[in-house]
PDB file of all heavy atoms in Angstrom:
ATOM      1  N   THR A   1      -8.407   8.340  -3.965  1.00  0.00           N
ATOM      2  CA  THR A   1      -9.026   7.445  -3.028  1.00  0.00           C
ATOM      3  C   THR A   1      -8.237   6.960  -1.985  1.00  0.00           C
ATOM      4  O   THR A   1      -8.615   6.369  -0.998  1.00  0.00           O
ATOM      5  CB  THR A   1      -9.552   6.147  -3.885  1.00  0.00           C
ATOM      6  OG1 THR A   1      -8.496   5.484  -4.277  1.00  0.00           O
ATOM      7  CG2 THR A   1     -10.652   6.488  -4.893  1.00  0.00           C
ATOM      8  N   ARG A   2      -6.842   7.400  -2.040  1.00  0.00           N
ATOM      9  CA  ARG A   2      -5.873   6.916  -1.014  1.00  0.00           C
ATOM     10  C   ARG A   2      -5.862   5.466  -0.819  1.00  0.00           C
ATOM     11  O   ARG A   2      -5.872   4.951   0.246  1.00  0.00           O
ATOM     12  CB  ARG A   2      -6.076   7.691   0.371  1.00  0.00           C
ATOM     13  CG  ARG A   2      -6.021   9.121   0.179  1.00  0.00           C
ATOM     14  CD  ARG A   2      -6.221   9.876   1.624  1.00  0.00           C
ATOM     15  NE  ARG A   2      -7.218   9.337   2.335  1.00  0.00           N
ATOM     16  CZ  ARG A   2      -8.524   9.519   2.408  1.00  0.00           C
ATOM     17  NH1 ARG A   2      -9.101  10.055   1.314  1.00  0.00           N
ATOM     18  NH2 ARG A   2      -9.325   8.984   3.366  1.00  0.00           N
ATOM     19  N   SER A   3      -6.018   4.735  -1.922  1.00  0.00           N
ATOM     20  CA  SER A   3      -6.007   3.307  -1.791  1.00  0.00           C
ATOM     21  C   SER A   3      -5.155   2.733  -3.034  1.00  0.00           C
ATOM     22  O   SER A   3      -4.768   3.441  -3.963  1.00  0.00           O
ATOM     23  CB  SER A   3      -7.463   2.724  -1.941  1.00  0.00           C
ATOM     24  OG  SER A   3      -8.081   3.122  -3.104  1.00  0.00           O
ATOM     25  N   GLY A   4      -5.066   1.467  -3.037  1.00  0.00           N
ATOM     26  CA  GLY A   4      -4.255   0.864  -4.111  1.00  0.00           C
ATOM     27  C   GLY A   4      -3.950  -0.659  -3.881  1.00  0.00           C
ATOM     28  O   GLY A   4      -4.760  -1.313  -3.161  1.00  0.00           O
ATOM     29  N   THR A   5      -2.938  -1.106  -4.416  1.00  0.00           N
ATOM     30  CA  THR A   5      -2.489  -2.499  -4.227  1.00  0.00           C
ATOM     31  C   THR A   5      -1.169  -2.693  -4.084  1.00  0.00           C
ATOM     32  O   THR A   5      -0.185  -1.860  -4.449  1.00  0.00           O
ATOM     33  CB  THR A   5      -3.045  -3.456  -5.407  1.00  0.00           C
ATOM     34  OG1 THR A   5      -2.255  -3.019  -6.643  1.00  0.00           O
ATOM     35  CG2 THR A   5      -4.461  -3.427  -5.731  1.00  0.00           C
ATOM     36  N   VAL A   6      -0.547  -3.702  -3.314  1.00  0.00           N
ATOM     37  CA  VAL A   6       0.836  -4.078  -3.169  1.00  0.00           C
ATOM     38  C   VAL A   6       0.924  -5.557  -3.661  1.00  0.00           C
ATOM     39  O   VAL A   6       0.128  -6.423  -3.686  1.00  0.00           O
ATOM     40  CB  VAL A   6       1.270  -3.953  -1.750  1.00  0.00           C
ATOM     41  CG1 VAL A   6       1.096  -2.513  -1.212  1.00  0.00           C
ATOM     42  CG2 VAL A   6       0.316  -4.894  -0.764  1.00  0.00           C
ATOM     43  N   PHE A   7       2.255  -5.820  -3.922  1.00  0.00           N
ATOM     44  CA  PHE A   7       2.661  -7.207  -4.179  1.00  0.00           C
ATOM     45  C   PHE A   7       3.336  -7.773  -2.892  1.00  0.00           C
ATOM     46  O   PHE A   7       4.281  -7.065  -2.457  1.00  0.00           O
ATOM     47  CB  PHE A   7       3.669  -7.266  -5.341  1.00  0.00           C
ATOM     48  CG  PHE A   7       3.105  -7.113  -6.699  1.00  0.00           C
ATOM     49  CD1 PHE A   7       3.358  -6.129  -7.568  1.00  0.00           C
ATOM     50  CD2 PHE A   7       2.034  -7.936  -7.189  1.00  0.00           C
ATOM     51  CE1 PHE A   7       2.848  -6.031  -8.760  1.00  0.00           C
ATOM     52  CE2 PHE A   7       1.475  -7.917  -8.436  1.00  0.00           C
ATOM     53  CZ  PHE A   7       1.892  -6.843  -9.317  1.00  0.00           C
ATOM     54  N   LEU A   8       3.051  -8.871  -2.515  1.00  0.00           N
ATOM     55  CA  LEU A   8       3.719  -9.576  -1.578  1.00  0.00           C
ATOM     56  C   LEU A   8       5.034 -10.258  -2.120  1.00  0.00           C
ATOM     57  O   LEU A   8       4.949 -10.311  -3.339  1.00  0.00           O
ATOM     58  CB  LEU A   8       2.945 -10.525  -0.812  1.00  0.00           C
ATOM     59  CG  LEU A   8       1.639 -10.143  -0.122  1.00  0.00           C
ATOM     60  CD1 LEU A   8       0.822 -11.438   0.495  1.00  0.00           C
ATOM     61  CD2 LEU A   8       1.916  -9.090   0.926  1.00  0.00           C
ATOM     62  N   ASP A   9       5.793 -10.682  -1.391  1.00  0.00           N
ATOM     63  CA  ASP A   9       7.152 -11.192  -1.747  1.00  0.00           C
ATOM     64  C   ASP A   9       6.983 -12.391  -2.648  1.00  0.00           C
ATOM     65  O   ASP A   9       7.739 -12.749  -3.394  1.00  0.00           O
ATOM     66  CB  ASP A   9       8.132 -11.521  -0.723  1.00  0.00           C
ATOM     67  CG  ASP A   9       8.706 -10.205  -0.108  1.00  0.00           C
ATOM     68  OD1 ASP A   9       8.506  -9.018  -0.658  1.00  0.00           O
ATOM     69  OD2 ASP A   9       9.373 -10.234   1.000  1.00  0.00           O
ATOM     70  N   ASP A  10       5.821 -13.053  -2.398  1.00  0.00           N
ATOM     71  CA  ASP A  10       5.591 -14.337  -3.193  1.00  0.00           C
ATOM     72  C   ASP A  10       4.841 -14.018  -4.468  1.00  0.00           C
ATOM     73  O   ASP A  10       4.364 -14.872  -5.285  1.00  0.00           O
ATOM     74  CB  ASP A  10       4.801 -15.306  -2.320  1.00  0.00           C
ATOM     75  CG  ASP A  10       3.304 -14.904  -2.006  1.00  0.00           C
ATOM     76  OD1 ASP A  10       2.959 -13.725  -2.439  1.00  0.00           O
ATOM     77  OD2 ASP A  10       2.643 -15.747  -1.351  1.00  0.00           O
ATOM     78  N   GLY A  11       4.508 -12.706  -4.712  1.00  0.00           N
ATOM     79  CA  GLY A  11       3.826 -12.236  -5.964  1.00  0.00           C
ATOM     80  C   GLY A  11       2.396 -11.977  -5.905  1.00  0.00           C
ATOM     81  O   GLY A  11       1.749 -11.716  -6.791  1.00  0.00           O
ATOM     82  N   THR A  12       1.840 -12.351  -4.691  1.00  0.00           N
ATOM     83  CA  THR A  12       0.413 -12.165  -4.403  1.00  0.00           C
ATOM     84  C   THR A  12       0.059 -10.795  -4.391  1.00  0.00           C
ATOM     85  O   THR A  12       0.725  -9.937  -3.720  1.00  0.00           O
ATOM     86  CB  THR A  12       0.016 -12.834  -3.166  1.00  0.00           C
ATOM     87  OG1 THR A  12       0.384 -14.181  -3.095  1.00  0.00           O
ATOM     88  CG2 THR A  12      -1.537 -12.595  -2.762  1.00  0.00           C
ATOM     89  N   GLU A  13      -1.026 -10.273  -5.169  1.00  0.00           N
ATOM     90  CA  GLU A  13      -1.457  -8.856  -5.126  1.00  0.00           C
ATOM     91  C   GLU A  13      -2.459  -8.732  -4.196  1.00  0.00           C
ATOM     92  O   GLU A  13      -3.417  -9.567  -4.184  1.00  0.00           O
ATOM     93  CB  GLU A  13      -1.925  -8.551  -6.612  1.00  0.00           C
ATOM     94  CG  GLU A  13      -2.352  -7.141  -6.684  1.00  0.00           C
ATOM     95  CD  GLU A  13      -2.807  -6.715  -8.068  1.00  0.00           C
ATOM     96  OE1 GLU A  13      -2.676  -7.535  -8.953  1.00  0.00           O
ATOM     97  OE2 GLU A  13      -3.215  -5.660  -8.258  1.00  0.00           O
ATOM     98  N   VAL A  14      -2.341  -7.707  -3.239  1.00  0.00           N
ATOM     99  CA  VAL A  14      -3.225  -7.604  -2.141  1.00  0.00           C
ATOM    100  C   VAL A  14      -3.741  -6.082  -2.149  1.00  0.00           C
ATOM    101  O   VAL A  14      -2.824  -5.192  -2.160  1.00  0.00           O
ATOM    102  CB  VAL A  14      -2.448  -7.808  -0.833  1.00  0.00           C
ATOM    103  CG1 VAL A  14      -3.338  -7.546   0.355  1.00  0.00           C
ATOM    104  CG2 VAL A  14      -1.998  -9.142  -0.710  1.00  0.00           C
ATOM    105  N   PRO A  15      -4.907  -5.707  -2.150  1.00  0.00           N
ATOM    106  CA  PRO A  15      -5.521  -4.375  -2.127  1.00  0.00           C
ATOM    107  C   PRO A  15      -5.456  -3.802  -0.793  1.00  0.00           C
ATOM    108  O   PRO A  15      -5.422  -4.515   0.360  1.00  0.00           O
ATOM    109  CB  PRO A  15      -6.863  -4.572  -2.539  1.00  0.00           C
ATOM    110  CG  PRO A  15      -7.364  -5.880  -2.065  1.00  0.00           C
ATOM    111  CD  PRO A  15      -6.108  -6.782  -2.174  1.00  0.00           C
ATOM    112  N   TYR A  16      -5.307  -2.587  -0.625  1.00  0.00           N
ATOM    113  CA  TYR A  16      -5.379  -1.877   0.560  1.00  0.00           C
ATOM    114  C   TYR A  16      -6.269  -0.635   0.442  1.00  0.00           C
ATOM    115  O   TYR A  16      -6.348  -0.040  -0.653  1.00  0.00           O
ATOM    116  CB  TYR A  16      -4.007  -1.380   1.199  1.00  0.00           C
ATOM    117  CG  TYR A  16      -3.293  -0.421   0.361  1.00  0.00           C
ATOM    118  CD1 TYR A  16      -3.430   0.887   0.390  1.00  0.00           C
ATOM    119  CD2 TYR A  16      -2.435  -0.939  -0.785  1.00  0.00           C
ATOM    120  CE1 TYR A  16      -2.723   1.855  -0.419  1.00  0.00           C
ATOM    121  CE2 TYR A  16      -1.785  -0.071  -1.573  1.00  0.00           C
ATOM    122  CZ  TYR A  16      -1.880   1.323  -1.460  1.00  0.00           C
ATOM    123  OH  TYR A  16      -1.302   2.265  -2.210  1.00  0.00           O
ATOM    124  N   GLY A  17      -7.053  -0.282   1.443  1.00  0.00           N
ATOM    125  CA  GLY A  17      -8.059   0.869   1.365  1.00  0.00           C
ATOM    126  C   GLY A  17      -7.448   2.022   2.018  1.00  0.00           C
ATOM    127  O   GLY A  17      -6.395   2.089   2.645  1.00  0.00           O
ATOM    128  N   SER A  18      -8.214   3.019   1.937  1.00  0.00           N
ATOM    129  CA  SER A  18      -7.827   4.411   2.446  1.00  0.00           C
ATOM    130  C   SER A  18      -7.618   4.280   4.057  1.00  0.00           C
ATOM    131  O   SER A  18      -6.793   5.121   4.635  1.00  0.00           O
ATOM    132  CB  SER A  18      -9.041   5.435   2.215  1.00  0.00           C
ATOM    133  OG  SER A  18     -10.223   5.087   2.775  1.00  0.00           O
ATOM    134  N   ALA A  19      -8.323   3.406   4.755  1.00  0.00           N
ATOM    135  CA  ALA A  19      -8.279   3.243   6.171  1.00  0.00           C
ATOM    136  C   ALA A  19      -6.827   2.811   6.529  1.00  0.00           C
ATOM    137  O   ALA A  19      -6.199   3.332   7.504  1.00  0.00           O
ATOM    138  CB  ALA A  19      -9.271   2.333   6.763  1.00  0.00           C
ATOM    139  N   ALA A  20      -6.266   1.921   5.849  1.00  0.00           N
ATOM    140  CA  ALA A  20      -4.897   1.381   5.949  1.00  0.00           C
ATOM    141  C   ALA A  20      -3.851   2.461   5.629  1.00  0.00           C
ATOM    142  O   ALA A  20      -2.925   2.706   6.444  1.00  0.00           O
ATOM    143  CB  ALA A  20      -4.700   0.288   5.125  1.00  0.00           C
ATOM    144  N   PHE A  21      -4.220   3.282   4.598  1.00  0.00           N
ATOM    145  CA  PHE A  21      -3.254   4.302   4.259  1.00  0.00           C
ATOM    146  C   PHE A  21      -3.299   5.426   5.306  1.00  0.00           C
ATOM    147  O   PHE A  21      -2.297   6.023   5.829  1.00  0.00           O
ATOM    148  CB  PHE A  21      -3.548   4.933   2.916  1.00  0.00           C
ATOM    149  CG  PHE A  21      -2.662   5.937   2.477  1.00  0.00           C
ATOM    150  CD1 PHE A  21      -1.425   5.647   2.018  1.00  0.00           C
ATOM    151  CD2 PHE A  21      -2.978   7.263   2.546  1.00  0.00           C
ATOM    152  CE1 PHE A  21      -0.608   6.678   1.432  1.00  0.00           C
ATOM    153  CE2 PHE A  21      -2.140   8.307   2.160  1.00  0.00           C
ATOM    154  CZ  PHE A  21      -0.867   8.000   1.658  1.00  0.00           C
ATOM    155  N   ASP A  22      -4.555   5.888   5.792  1.00  0.00           N
ATOM    156  CA  ASP A  22      -4.626   6.873   6.720  1.00  0.00           C
ATOM    157  C   ASP A  22      -4.202   6.631   8.088  1.00  0.00           C
ATOM    158  O   ASP A  22      -3.974   7.591   8.894  1.00  0.00           O
ATOM    159  CB  ASP A  22      -6.216   7.387   6.803  1.00  0.00           C
ATOM    160  CG  ASP A  22      -6.668   7.993   5.385  1.00  0.00           C
ATOM    161  OD1 ASP A  22      -5.820   8.366   4.628  1.00  0.00           O
ATOM    162  OD2 ASP A  22      -7.919   8.125   5.280  1.00  0.00           O
ATOM    163  N   ALA A  23      -3.913   5.335   8.400  1.00  0.00           N
ATOM    164  CA  ALA A  23      -3.567   5.000   9.776  1.00  0.00           C
ATOM    165  C   ALA A  23      -2.109   5.289   9.929  1.00  0.00           C
ATOM    166  O   ALA A  23      -1.479   5.405  11.128  1.00  0.00           O
ATOM    167  CB  ALA A  23      -3.721   3.357   9.877  1.00  0.00           C
ATOM    168  N   GLY A  24      -1.367   5.437   8.817  1.00  0.00           N
ATOM    169  CA  GLY A  24       0.061   5.726   8.983  1.00  0.00           C
ATOM    170  C   GLY A  24       0.379   7.198   8.565  1.00  0.00           C
ATOM    171  O   GLY A  24      -0.545   8.075   8.363  1.00  0.00           O
ATOM    172  N   PRO A  25       1.690   7.565   8.572  1.00  0.00           N
ATOM    173  CA  PRO A  25       2.138   8.979   8.407  1.00  0.00           C
ATOM    174  C   PRO A  25       2.263   9.389   7.023  1.00  0.00           C
ATOM    175  O   PRO A  25       2.876  10.529   6.817  1.00  0.00           O
ATOM    176  CB  PRO A  25       3.422   8.996   9.187  1.00  0.00           C
ATOM    177  CG  PRO A  25       3.985   7.661   8.893  1.00  0.00           C
ATOM    178  CD  PRO A  25       2.891   6.803   8.871  1.00  0.00           C
ATOM    179  N   LEU A  26       1.956   8.630   5.957  1.00  0.00           N
ATOM    180  CA  LEU A  26       2.159   8.878   4.599  1.00  0.00           C
ATOM    181  C   LEU A  26       1.331   9.811   3.961  1.00  0.00           C
ATOM    182  O   LEU A  26       0.270  10.084   4.366  1.00  0.00           O
ATOM    183  CB  LEU A  26       2.200   7.575   3.808  1.00  0.00           C
ATOM    184  CG  LEU A  26       3.045   6.475   4.332  1.00  0.00           C
ATOM    185  CD1 LEU A  26       2.841   5.286   3.470  1.00  0.00           C
ATOM    186  CD2 LEU A  26       4.566   6.823   4.357  1.00  0.00           C
ATOM    187  N   ARG A  27       1.978  10.595   2.925  1.00  0.00           N
ATOM    188  CA  ARG A  27       1.080  11.472   2.112  1.00  0.00           C
ATOM    189  C   ARG A  27       0.869  10.895   0.737  1.00  0.00           C
ATOM    190  O   ARG A  27      -0.163  11.235   0.068  1.00  0.00           O
ATOM    191  CB  ARG A  27       1.825  12.868   1.967  1.00  0.00           C
ATOM    192  CG  ARG A  27       1.973  13.533   3.280  1.00  0.00           C
ATOM    193  CD  ARG A  27       2.571  14.841   2.974  1.00  0.00           C
ATOM    194  NE  ARG A  27       2.606  15.667   4.280  1.00  0.00           N
ATOM    195  CZ  ARG A  27       2.693  16.931   4.254  1.00  0.00           C
ATOM    196  NH1 ARG A  27       2.835  17.621   3.201  1.00  0.00           N
ATOM    197  NH2 ARG A  27       2.718  17.580   5.420  1.00  0.00           N
ATOM    198  N   LEU A  28       1.738  10.108   0.296  1.00  0.00           N
ATOM    199  CA  LEU A  28       1.665   9.361  -1.063  1.00  0.00           C
ATOM    200  C   LEU A  28       2.495   8.171  -1.197  1.00  0.00           C
ATOM    201  O   LEU A  28       3.458   7.969  -0.364  1.00  0.00           O
ATOM    202  CB  LEU A  28       1.837  10.350  -2.139  1.00  0.00           C
ATOM    203  CG  LEU A  28       3.177  11.023  -2.396  1.00  0.00           C
ATOM    204  CD1 LEU A  28       3.994  10.104  -3.418  1.00  0.00           C
ATOM    205  CD2 LEU A  28       3.157  12.351  -2.867  1.00  0.00           C
ATOM    206  N   LEU A  29       2.338   7.321  -2.086  1.00  0.00           N
ATOM    207  CA  LEU A  29       3.177   6.137  -2.415  1.00  0.00           C
ATOM    208  C   LEU A  29       3.391   6.207  -3.978  1.00  0.00           C
ATOM    209  O   LEU A  29       2.501   6.700  -4.709  1.00  0.00           O
ATOM    210  CB  LEU A  29       2.382   4.946  -2.090  1.00  0.00           C
ATOM    211  CG  LEU A  29       2.296   4.642  -0.539  1.00  0.00           C
ATOM    212  CD1 LEU A  29       1.352   3.501  -0.294  1.00  0.00           C
ATOM    213  CD2 LEU A  29       3.651   4.292   0.089  1.00  0.00           C
ATOM    214  N   ARG A  30       4.541   5.643  -4.329  1.00  0.00           N
ATOM    215  CA  ARG A  30       4.916   5.427  -5.655  1.00  0.00           C
ATOM    216  C   ARG A  30       5.049   4.009  -6.167  1.00  0.00           C
ATOM    217  O   ARG A  30       5.521   3.216  -5.205  1.00  0.00           O
ATOM    218  CB  ARG A  30       6.231   6.149  -6.030  1.00  0.00           C
ATOM    219  CG  ARG A  30       6.108   7.653  -5.922  1.00  0.00           C
ATOM    220  CD  ARG A  30       7.401   8.175  -6.331  1.00  0.00           C
ATOM    221  NE  ARG A  30       8.652   7.536  -6.004  1.00  0.00           N
ATOM    222  CZ  ARG A  30       9.351   7.699  -4.736  1.00  0.00           C
ATOM    223  NH1 ARG A  30       8.976   8.770  -3.988  1.00  0.00           N
ATOM    224  NH2 ARG A  30      10.450   7.117  -4.451  1.00  0.00           N
ATOM    225  N   SER A  31       4.696   3.505  -7.306  1.00  0.00           N
ATOM    226  CA  SER A  31       4.777   2.161  -7.701  1.00  0.00           C
ATOM    227  C   SER A  31       6.289   1.799  -7.471  1.00  0.00           C
ATOM    228  O   SER A  31       7.266   2.697  -7.747  1.00  0.00           O
ATOM    229  CB  SER A  31       4.461   1.983  -9.240  1.00  0.00           C
ATOM    230  OG  SER A  31       3.052   2.322  -9.281  1.00  0.00           O
ATOM    231  N   GLY A  32       6.587   0.591  -6.981  1.00  0.00           N
ATOM    232  CA  GLY A  32       7.885   0.030  -6.747  1.00  0.00           C
ATOM    233  C   GLY A  32       8.300   0.374  -5.309  1.00  0.00           C
ATOM    234  O   GLY A  32       9.485  -0.115  -5.038  1.00  0.00           O
ATOM    235  N   GLN A  33       7.864   1.211  -4.720  1.00  0.00           N
ATOM    236  CA  GLN A  33       8.295   1.463  -3.316  1.00  0.00           C
ATOM    237  C   GLN A  33       8.185   0.337  -2.368  1.00  0.00           C
ATOM    238  O   GLN A  33       7.141  -0.389  -2.389  1.00  0.00           O
ATOM    239  CB  GLN A  33       7.469   2.592  -2.628  1.00  0.00           C
ATOM    240  CG  GLN A  33       8.073   4.050  -2.974  1.00  0.00           C
ATOM    241  CD  GLN A  33       7.362   5.053  -2.334  1.00  0.00           C
ATOM    242  OE1 GLN A  33       6.117   5.161  -2.281  1.00  0.00           O
ATOM    243  NE2 GLN A  33       8.172   5.918  -1.519  1.00  0.00           N
ATOM    244  N   ARG A  34       9.083   0.075  -1.525  1.00  0.00           N
ATOM    245  CA  ARG A  34       9.113  -1.037  -0.573  1.00  0.00           C
ATOM    246  C   ARG A  34       8.326  -0.466   0.732  1.00  0.00           C
ATOM    247  O   ARG A  34       8.669   0.594   1.232  1.00  0.00           O
ATOM    248  CB  ARG A  34      10.524  -1.499  -0.313  1.00  0.00           C
ATOM    249  CG  ARG A  34      10.609  -2.616   0.245  1.00  0.00           C
ATOM    250  CD  ARG A  34      10.313  -3.799  -0.631  1.00  0.00           C
ATOM    251  NE  ARG A  34      10.560  -5.000   0.035  1.00  0.00           N
ATOM    252  CZ  ARG A  34      10.047  -6.207  -0.201  1.00  0.00           C
ATOM    253  NH1 ARG A  34       9.055  -6.148  -1.010  1.00  0.00           N
ATOM    254  NH2 ARG A  34      10.377  -7.217   0.463  1.00  0.00           N
ATOM    255  N   VAL A  35       7.399  -1.208   1.214  1.00  0.00           N
ATOM    256  CA  VAL A  35       6.500  -0.913   2.404  1.00  0.00           C
ATOM    257  C   VAL A  35       6.415  -1.955   3.357  1.00  0.00           C
ATOM    258  O   VAL A  35       6.677  -3.166   2.980  1.00  0.00           O
ATOM    259  CB  VAL A  35       5.080  -0.384   1.810  1.00  0.00           C
ATOM    260  CG1 VAL A  35       5.158   0.916   1.119  1.00  0.00           C
ATOM    261  CG2 VAL A  35       4.421  -1.506   1.126  1.00  0.00           C
ATOM    262  N   ASN A  36       6.116  -1.697   4.541  1.00  0.00           N
ATOM    263  CA  ASN A  36       5.655  -2.643   5.464  1.00  0.00           C
ATOM    264  C   ASN A  36       4.174  -2.549   5.673  1.00  0.00           C
ATOM    265  O   ASN A  36       3.622  -1.316   5.579  1.00  0.00           O
ATOM    266  CB  ASN A  36       6.315  -2.389   6.898  1.00  0.00           C
ATOM    267  CG  ASN A  36       7.774  -2.709   6.915  1.00  0.00           C
ATOM    268  OD1 ASN A  36       8.280  -3.666   6.166  1.00  0.00           O
ATOM    269  ND2 ASN A  36       8.645  -2.151   7.866  1.00  0.00           N
ATOM    270  N   ILE A  37       3.541  -3.673   5.808  1.00  0.00           N
ATOM    271  CA  ILE A  37       2.124  -3.649   6.056  1.00  0.00           C
ATOM    272  C   ILE A  37       1.719  -4.414   7.219  1.00  0.00           C
ATOM    273  O   ILE A  37       2.432  -5.478   7.535  1.00  0.00           O
ATOM    274  CB  ILE A  37       1.324  -4.192   4.815  1.00  0.00           C
ATOM    275  CG1 ILE A  37       1.748  -5.603   4.378  1.00  0.00           C
ATOM    276  CG2 ILE A  37       1.567  -3.280   3.568  1.00  0.00           C
ATOM    277  CD1 ILE A  37       1.050  -6.193   3.200  1.00  0.00           C
TER     278      ILE A  37
END
């Protein structure tokens, strides 16, 4: 689905959809990777 969730630094879980993923140059993400949003 090219979607998932991230944790902000304060621990808040935030979902992201395929549009956010497709807007960037990525092919995949792994749990624990540090990202900018």
